[in-house]
Amino acid sequence: YDAKLATAERFRDVLCAMSKRVAVARSIEEVEQFFREALVEEPRKWGLNGREDMRLCFTASVSAKHWVGRSLATPRFALTELEDGLRAWHKLRQARKSFLLSPLSNVFNTSFLTQQELDTAWCSLSQAYVEVWASSGRRGAAAKLHALRSQHVHLHKRRSKKARHLSVEERILRLLRRWQPGLRGEKRRMPHVPHVPHLPRQKSSK
């Protein structure tokens, strides 16, 4: 964030260029390689230094929608903590790697998993999440996961109870809308990459 509009727009253009550069990666190795290169080279094209001028920082996330209804993200890392941030990202990905549809996918193949396998996957992912946050000196990750999980289970029970009162035709239509994106205009799924770096907030100068 910067108080000057021209500077803010310049930073935005750099971030967009970085995002586009990483988005074309075809493997996890390329994601990391392109991300590392973009952090240095894209700001340089605009005569900037990502660490000193823009004070960039970043997070990464993995999907955990089946268990908590949302993604789980790493802590925010500065560029001086790049290696720590990438290790955290790899740790979360590794915890759920065997259940992904493809290496670059962020979607679980839950249709072919037993309840025991789903429980095992959640145990592995939640443990990795807590360890990632603990290694960064942040506390409260376990309590946060417990609250998210409880809330999601409660919501799922409410929806299941409501669904039992639907007619057969309504249930079929809901299933079609869920599995056929065209029926509800869902956006095309895209490979997941680490989040675009963030700009820390600064106080506006008067």
C-alpha atoms as a PDB file:
ATOM      1  CA  TYR A   1       0.000   0.000   0.000  1.00  0.00           C
ATOM      2  CA  ASP A   2       1.195   3.512  -0.773  1.00  0.00           C
ATOM      3  CA  ALA A   3      -0.467   6.870  -0.298  1.00  0.00           C
ATOM      4  CA  LYS A   4       0.514   8.029  -3.790  1.00  0.00           C
ATOM      5  CA  LEU A   5      -1.825   6.778  -6.518  1.00  0.00           C
ATOM      6  CA  ALA A   6       0.893   6.604  -9.191  1.00  0.00           C
ATOM      7  CA  THR A   7       3.102   4.458  -6.958  1.00  0.00           C
ATOM      8  CA  ALA A   8       0.216   2.182  -6.012  1.00  0.00           C
ATOM      9  CA  GLU A   9      -0.658   1.648  -9.688  1.00  0.00           C
ATOM     10  CA  ARG A  10       2.974   0.874 -10.436  1.00  0.00           C
ATOM     11  CA  PHE A  11       3.049  -1.740  -7.672  1.00  0.00           C
ATOM     12  CA  ARG A  12      -0.207  -3.210  -8.997  1.00  0.00           C
ATOM     13  CA  ASP A  13       1.265  -3.631 -12.467  1.00  0.00           C
ATOM     14  CA  VAL A  14       4.264  -5.441 -11.000  1.00  0.00           C
ATOM     15  CA  LEU A  15       2.050  -7.803  -9.003  1.00  0.00           C
ATOM     16  CA  CYS A  16      -0.102  -8.579 -12.054  1.00  0.00           C
ATOM     17  CA  ALA A  17       2.991  -9.365 -14.110  1.00  0.00           C
ATOM     18  CA  MET A  18       4.254 -11.674 -11.381  1.00  0.00           C
ATOM     19  CA  SER A  19       0.938 -13.485 -11.163  1.00  0.00           C
ATOM     20  CA  LYS A  20       0.773 -14.043 -14.928  1.00  0.00           C
ATOM     21  CA  ARG A  21       4.307 -15.347 -14.971  1.00  0.00           C
ATOM     22  CA  VAL A  22       3.660 -17.980 -12.301  1.00  0.00           C
ATOM     23  CA  ALA A  23       0.262 -18.969 -13.718  1.00  0.00           C
ATOM     24  CA  VAL A  24       1.805 -20.582 -16.828  1.00  0.00           C
ATOM     25  CA  ALA A  25       3.768 -23.127 -14.775  1.00  0.00           C
ATOM     26  CA  ARG A  26       3.115 -26.750 -15.754  1.00  0.00           C
ATOM     27  CA  SER A  27       4.624 -28.476 -12.752  1.00  0.00           C
ATOM     28  CA  ILE A  28       5.270 -27.844  -9.083  1.00  0.00           C
ATOM     29  CA  GLU A  29       8.955 -27.412  -9.874  1.00  0.00           C
ATOM     30  CA  GLU A  30       8.114 -24.700 -12.406  1.00  0.00           C
ATOM     31  CA  VAL A  31       5.743 -23.001  -9.966  1.00  0.00           C
ATOM     32  CA  GLU A  32       8.570 -22.575  -7.482  1.00  0.00           C
ATOM     33  CA  GLN A  33      11.115 -21.633 -10.151  1.00  0.00           C
ATOM     34  CA  PHE A  34       8.859 -19.021 -11.804  1.00  0.00           C
ATOM     35  CA  PHE A  35       7.835 -17.640  -8.440  1.00  0.00           C
ATOM     36  CA  ARG A  36      11.450 -17.183  -7.327  1.00  0.00           C
ATOM     37  CA  GLU A  37      12.377 -15.511 -10.611  1.00  0.00           C
ATOM     38  CA  ALA A  38       9.313 -13.265 -10.669  1.00  0.00           C
ATOM     39  CA  LEU A  39      10.022 -11.924  -7.181  1.00  0.00           C
ATOM     40  CA  VAL A  40      13.343 -10.530  -8.411  1.00  0.00           C
ATOM     41  CA  GLU A  41      12.932  -9.868 -12.115  1.00  0.00           C
ATOM     42  CA  GLU A  42       9.457  -8.319 -12.402  1.00  0.00           C
ATOM     43  CA  PRO A  43      10.058  -5.476  -9.893  1.00  0.00           C
ATOM     44  CA  ARG A  44      13.449  -4.868 -11.549  1.00  0.00           C
ATOM     45  CA  LYS A  45      11.750  -4.237 -14.911  1.00  0.00           C
ATOM     46  CA  TRP A  46      10.007  -1.275 -13.290  1.00  0.00           C
ATOM     47  CA  GLY A  47      13.124  -0.028 -11.570  1.00  0.00           C
ATOM     48  CA  LEU A  48      12.017  -1.371  -8.212  1.00  0.00           C
ATOM     49  CA  ASN A  49      13.317  -3.700  -5.547  1.00  0.00           C
ATOM     50  CA  GLY A  50      10.681  -6.096  -4.276  1.00  0.00           C
ATOM     51  CA  ARG A  51      12.096  -6.178  -0.774  1.00  0.00           C
ATOM     52  CA  GLU A  52      13.187  -2.587  -0.194  1.00  0.00           C
ATOM     53  CA  ASP A  53      10.781  -0.561  -2.356  1.00  0.00           C
ATOM     54  CA  MET A  54       7.669  -2.731  -2.303  1.00  0.00           C
ATOM     55  CA  ARG A  55       8.310  -4.665   0.912  1.00  0.00           C
ATOM     56  CA  LEU A  56       6.622  -7.705  -0.608  1.00  0.00           C
ATOM     57  CA  CYS A  57       5.386 -10.639   1.423  1.00  0.00           C
ATOM     58  CA  PHE A  58       3.444 -13.761   0.453  1.00  0.00           C
ATOM     59  CA  THR A  59       1.279 -16.653   1.600  1.00  0.00           C
ATOM     60  CA  ALA A  60       0.353 -20.014   0.060  1.00  0.00           C
ATOM     61  CA  SER A  61      -2.719 -22.160   0.588  1.00  0.00           C
ATOM     62  CA  VAL A  62      -4.158 -25.601  -0.049  1.00  0.00           C
ATOM     63  CA  SER A  63      -7.795 -26.588  -0.310  1.00  0.00           C
ATOM     64  CA  ALA A  64      -9.498 -28.116   2.714  1.00  0.00           C
ATOM     65  CA  LYS A  65     -13.073 -27.444   1.630  1.00  0.00           C
ATOM     66  CA  HIS A  66     -14.233 -30.999   2.308  1.00  0.00           C
ATOM     67  CA  TRP A  67     -13.379 -30.658   6.008  1.00  0.00           C
ATOM     68  CA  VAL A  68     -13.660 -26.970   6.903  1.00  0.00           C
ATOM     69  CA  GLY A  69     -15.344 -25.384   3.882  1.00  0.00           C
ATOM     70  CA  ARG A  70     -12.338 -23.273   2.891  1.00  0.00           C
ATOM     71  CA  SER A  71      -8.613 -23.309   2.108  1.00  0.00           C
ATOM     72  CA  LEU A  72      -5.882 -23.393   4.717  1.00  0.00           C
ATOM     73  CA  ALA A  73      -3.141 -20.813   4.323  1.00  0.00           C
ATOM     74  CA  THR A  74       0.390 -20.490   5.608  1.00  0.00           C
ATOM     75  CA  PRO A  75       1.469 -17.505   7.702  1.00  0.00           C
ATOM     76  CA  ARG A  76       2.596 -14.425   5.790  1.00  0.00           C
ATOM     77  CA  PHE A  77       6.285 -14.430   4.901  1.00  0.00           C
ATOM     78  CA  ALA A  78       8.538 -11.540   3.894  1.00  0.00           C
ATOM     79  CA  LEU A  79      11.002 -11.967   1.038  1.00  0.00           C
ATOM     80  CA  THR A  80      13.755 -12.390   3.605  1.00  0.00           C
ATOM     81  CA  GLU A  81      11.824 -15.496   4.717  1.00  0.00           C
ATOM     82  CA  LEU A  82      11.371 -16.898   1.210  1.00  0.00           C
ATOM     83  CA  GLU A  83      12.860 -20.307   1.983  1.00  0.00           C
ATOM     84  CA  ASP A  84      10.727 -20.692   5.116  1.00  0.00           C
ATOM     85  CA  GLY A  85       7.604 -19.779   3.164  1.00  0.00           C
ATOM     86  CA  LEU A  86       8.276 -22.246   0.374  1.00  0.00           C
ATOM     87  CA  ARG A  87       9.016 -25.012   2.890  1.00  0.00           C
ATOM     88  CA  ALA A  88       5.696 -24.306   4.594  1.00  0.00           C
ATOM     89  CA  TRP A  89       3.877 -24.506   1.245  1.00  0.00           C
ATOM     90  CA  HIS A  90       5.562 -27.797   0.340  1.00  0.00           C
ATOM     91  CA  LYS A  91       4.752 -29.228   3.768  1.00  0.00           C
ATOM     92  CA  LEU A  92       1.035 -28.547   3.344  1.00  0.00           C
ATOM     93  CA  ARG A  93       1.028 -29.881  -0.221  1.00  0.00           C
ATOM     94  CA  GLN A  94       2.893 -33.025   0.800  1.00  0.00           C
ATOM     95  CA  ALA A  95       0.352 -33.693   3.535  1.00  0.00           C
ATOM     96  CA  ARG A  96      -2.408 -34.040   0.934  1.00  0.00           C
ATOM     97  CA  LYS A  97      -0.423 -34.974  -2.173  1.00  0.00           C
ATOM     98  CA  SER A  98      -1.597 -38.594  -2.508  1.00  0.00           C
ATOM     99  CA  PHE A  99      -5.252 -37.542  -2.625  1.00  0.00           C
ATOM    100  CA  LEU A 100      -4.999 -34.899  -5.357  1.00  0.00           C
ATOM    101  CA  LEU A 101      -6.430 -35.386  -8.833  1.00  0.00           C
ATOM    102  CA  SER A 102      -3.145 -34.219 -10.389  1.00  0.00           C
ATOM    103  CA  PRO A 103       0.134 -32.657  -9.199  1.00  0.00           C
ATOM    104  CA  LEU A 104      -1.011 -29.106  -9.993  1.00  0.00           C
ATOM    105  CA  SER A 105      -4.615 -29.660  -8.966  1.00  0.00           C
ATOM    106  CA  ASN A 106      -6.092 -28.156  -5.825  1.00  0.00           C
ATOM    107  CA  VAL A 107      -9.038 -30.577  -5.856  1.00  0.00           C
ATOM    108  CA  PHE A 108      -9.488 -33.768  -3.853  1.00  0.00           C
ATOM    109  CA  ASN A 109     -10.795 -36.892  -5.544  1.00  0.00           C
ATOM    110  CA  THR A 110     -13.253 -37.444  -2.692  1.00  0.00           C
ATOM    111  CA  SER A 111     -15.654 -39.536  -4.793  1.00  0.00           C
ATOM    112  CA  PHE A 112     -13.298 -42.506  -4.675  1.00  0.00           C
ATOM    113  CA  LEU A 113     -12.118 -42.208  -1.067  1.00  0.00           C
ATOM    114  CA  THR A 114     -13.503 -44.123   1.876  1.00  0.00           C
ATOM    115  CA  GLN A 115     -14.399 -42.351   5.086  1.00  0.00           C
ATOM    116  CA  GLN A 116     -11.316 -43.819   6.711  1.00  0.00           C
ATOM    117  CA  GLU A 117      -9.111 -42.411   3.919  1.00  0.00           C
ATOM    118  CA  LEU A 118     -10.754 -39.007   4.252  1.00  0.00           C
ATOM    119  CA  ASP A 119     -10.162 -39.060   8.006  1.00  0.00           C
ATOM    120  CA  THR A 120      -6.529 -40.018   7.431  1.00  0.00           C
ATOM    121  CA  ALA A 121      -6.088 -37.204   4.924  1.00  0.00           C
ATOM    122  CA  TRP A 122      -7.574 -34.661   7.324  1.00  0.00           C
ATOM    123  CA  CYS A 123      -5.395 -35.888  10.188  1.00  0.00           C
ATOM    124  CA  SER A 124      -2.284 -35.483   8.031  1.00  0.00           C
ATOM    125  CA  LEU A 125      -3.276 -32.058   6.686  1.00  0.00           C
ATOM    126  CA  SER A 126      -4.368 -30.623  10.033  1.00  0.00           C
ATOM    127  CA  GLN A 127      -1.188 -31.804  11.732  1.00  0.00           C
ATOM    128  CA  ALA A 128       0.957 -30.239   8.999  1.00  0.00           C
ATOM    129  CA  TYR A 129      -1.006 -26.976   9.272  1.00  0.00           C
ATOM    130  CA  VAL A 130      -0.483 -26.740  13.028  1.00  0.00           C
ATOM    131  CA  GLU A 131       3.234 -27.517  12.644  1.00  0.00           C
ATOM    132  CA  VAL A 132       3.667 -24.871   9.931  1.00  0.00           C
ATOM    133  CA  TRP A 133       2.157 -22.170  12.110  1.00  0.00           C
ATOM    134  CA  ALA A 134       3.997 -23.328  15.226  1.00  0.00           C
ATOM    135  CA  SER A 135       7.359 -23.293  13.420  1.00  0.00           C
ATOM    136  CA  SER A 136       6.697 -19.656  12.508  1.00  0.00           C
ATOM    137  CA  GLY A 137       6.123 -18.737  16.134  1.00  0.00           C
ATOM    138  CA  ARG A 138       2.346 -18.373  15.770  1.00  0.00           C
ATOM    139  CA  ARG A 139      -0.001 -19.961  18.290  1.00  0.00           C
ATOM    140  CA  GLY A 140      -3.666 -20.860  18.193  1.00  0.00           C
ATOM    141  CA  ALA A 141      -3.698 -22.851  14.929  1.00  0.00           C
ATOM    142  CA  ALA A 142      -5.097 -25.990  16.575  1.00  0.00           C
ATOM    143  CA  ALA A 143      -7.929 -24.067  18.236  1.00  0.00           C
ATOM    144  CA  LYS A 144      -8.719 -22.310  14.957  1.00  0.00           C
ATOM    145  CA  LEU A 145      -8.919 -25.622  13.085  1.00  0.00           C
ATOM    146  CA  HIS A 146     -11.182 -27.105  15.742  1.00  0.00           C
ATOM    147  CA  ALA A 147     -13.566 -24.147  15.480  1.00  0.00           C
ATOM    148  CA  LEU A 148     -13.617 -24.271  11.666  1.00  0.00           C
ATOM    149  CA  ARG A 149     -14.200 -28.018  11.676  1.00  0.00           C
ATOM    150  CA  SER A 150     -17.029 -27.810  14.207  1.00  0.00           C
ATOM    151  CA  GLN A 151     -18.711 -25.005  12.285  1.00  0.00           C
ATOM    152  CA  HIS A 152     -18.441 -26.889   8.997  1.00  0.00           C
ATOM    153  CA  VAL A 153     -19.844 -30.130  10.475  1.00  0.00           C
ATOM    154  CA  HIS A 154     -22.771 -28.219  11.970  1.00  0.00           C
ATOM    155  CA  LEU A 155     -23.515 -26.513   8.642  1.00  0.00           C
ATOM    156  CA  HIS A 156     -23.273 -29.826   6.779  1.00  0.00           C
ATOM    157  CA  LYS A 157     -25.792 -31.430   9.152  1.00  0.00           C
ATOM    158  CA  ARG A 158     -28.222 -28.550   8.633  1.00  0.00           C
ATOM    159  CA  ARG A 159     -27.947 -28.840   4.865  1.00  0.00           C
ATOM    160  CA  SER A 160     -28.373 -32.614   4.976  1.00  0.00           C
ATOM    161  CA  LYS A 161     -31.489 -32.265   7.095  1.00  0.00           C
ATOM    162  CA  LYS A 162     -32.918 -29.715   4.671  1.00  0.00           C
ATOM    163  CA  ALA A 163     -32.049 -31.894   1.660  1.00  0.00           C
ATOM    164  CA  ARG A 164     -34.085 -34.811   3.040  1.00  0.00           C
ATOM    165  CA  HIS A 165     -37.232 -32.765   2.476  1.00  0.00           C
ATOM    166  CA  LEU A 166     -36.501 -32.147  -1.210  1.00  0.00           C
ATOM    167  CA  SER A 167     -38.300 -34.056  -3.927  1.00  0.00           C
ATOM    168  CA  VAL A 168     -36.412 -36.558  -6.102  1.00  0.00           C
ATOM    169  CA  GLU A 169     -36.472 -34.086  -9.008  1.00  0.00           C
ATOM    170  CA  GLU A 170     -34.996 -31.306  -6.872  1.00  0.00           C
ATOM    171  CA  ARG A 171     -32.220 -33.588  -5.608  1.00  0.00           C
ATOM    172  CA  ILE A 172     -31.304 -34.648  -9.146  1.00  0.00           C
ATOM    173  CA  LEU A 173     -31.210 -31.014 -10.274  1.00  0.00           C
ATOM    174  CA  ARG A 174     -28.917 -30.090  -7.379  1.00  0.00           C
ATOM    175  CA  LEU A 175     -26.545 -32.913  -8.270  1.00  0.00           C
ATOM    176  CA  LEU A 176     -26.477 -31.801 -11.900  1.00  0.00           C
ATOM    177  CA  ARG A 177     -25.696 -28.239 -10.863  1.00  0.00           C
ATOM    178  CA  ARG A 178     -22.894 -29.503  -8.647  1.00  0.00           C
ATOM    179  CA  TRP A 179     -21.184 -31.662 -11.264  1.00  0.00           C
ATOM    180  CA  GLN A 180     -21.943 -29.684 -14.428  1.00  0.00           C
ATOM    181  CA  PRO A 181     -20.439 -26.183 -14.131  1.00  0.00           C
ATOM    182  CA  GLY A 182     -22.358 -24.904 -17.122  1.00  0.00           C
ATOM    183  CA  LEU A 183     -25.655 -25.185 -15.269  1.00  0.00           C
ATOM    184  CA  ARG A 184     -24.690 -22.596 -12.709  1.00  0.00           C
ATOM    185  CA  GLY A 185     -21.957 -20.669 -14.467  1.00  0.00           C
ATOM    186  CA  GLU A 186     -19.087 -21.852 -12.314  1.00  0.00           C
ATOM    187  CA  LYS A 187     -15.680 -20.509 -13.174  1.00  0.00           C
ATOM    188  CA  ARG A 188     -13.234 -22.842 -14.822  1.00  0.00           C
ATOM    189  CA  ARG A 189     -10.934 -24.565 -12.341  1.00  0.00           C
ATOM    190  CA  MET A 190      -7.352 -23.341 -12.615  1.00  0.00           C
ATOM    191  CA  PRO A 191      -4.138 -24.862 -11.277  1.00  0.00           C
ATOM    192  CA  HIS A 192      -3.235 -23.516  -7.878  1.00  0.00           C
ATOM    193  CA  VAL A 193      -0.095 -21.501  -7.381  1.00  0.00           C
ATOM    194  CA  PRO A 194       1.290 -19.622  -4.385  1.00  0.00           C
ATOM    195  CA  HIS A 195      -0.572 -16.410  -3.699  1.00  0.00           C
ATOM    196  CA  VAL A 196       0.525 -13.202  -5.330  1.00  0.00           C
ATOM    197  CA  PRO A 197       2.785 -11.333  -2.874  1.00  0.00           C
ATOM    198  CA  HIS A 198       1.102  -8.868  -0.563  1.00  0.00           C
ATOM    199  CA  LEU A 199       2.010  -5.297   0.075  1.00  0.00           C
ATOM    200  CA  PRO A 200       2.078  -4.415   3.801  1.00  0.00           C
ATOM    201  CA  ARG A 201      -0.093  -1.510   4.828  1.00  0.00           C
ATOM    202  CA  GLN A 202       1.556   1.791   5.591  1.00  0.00           C
ATOM    203  CA  LYS A 203       0.150   4.809   7.308  1.00  0.00           C
ATOM    204  CA  SER A 204      -0.745   7.607   4.922  1.00  0.00           C
ATOM    205  CA  SER A 205       1.459  10.635   5.273  1.00  0.00           C
ATOM    206  CA  LYS A 206      -0.308  13.886   5.911  1.00  0.00           C
END
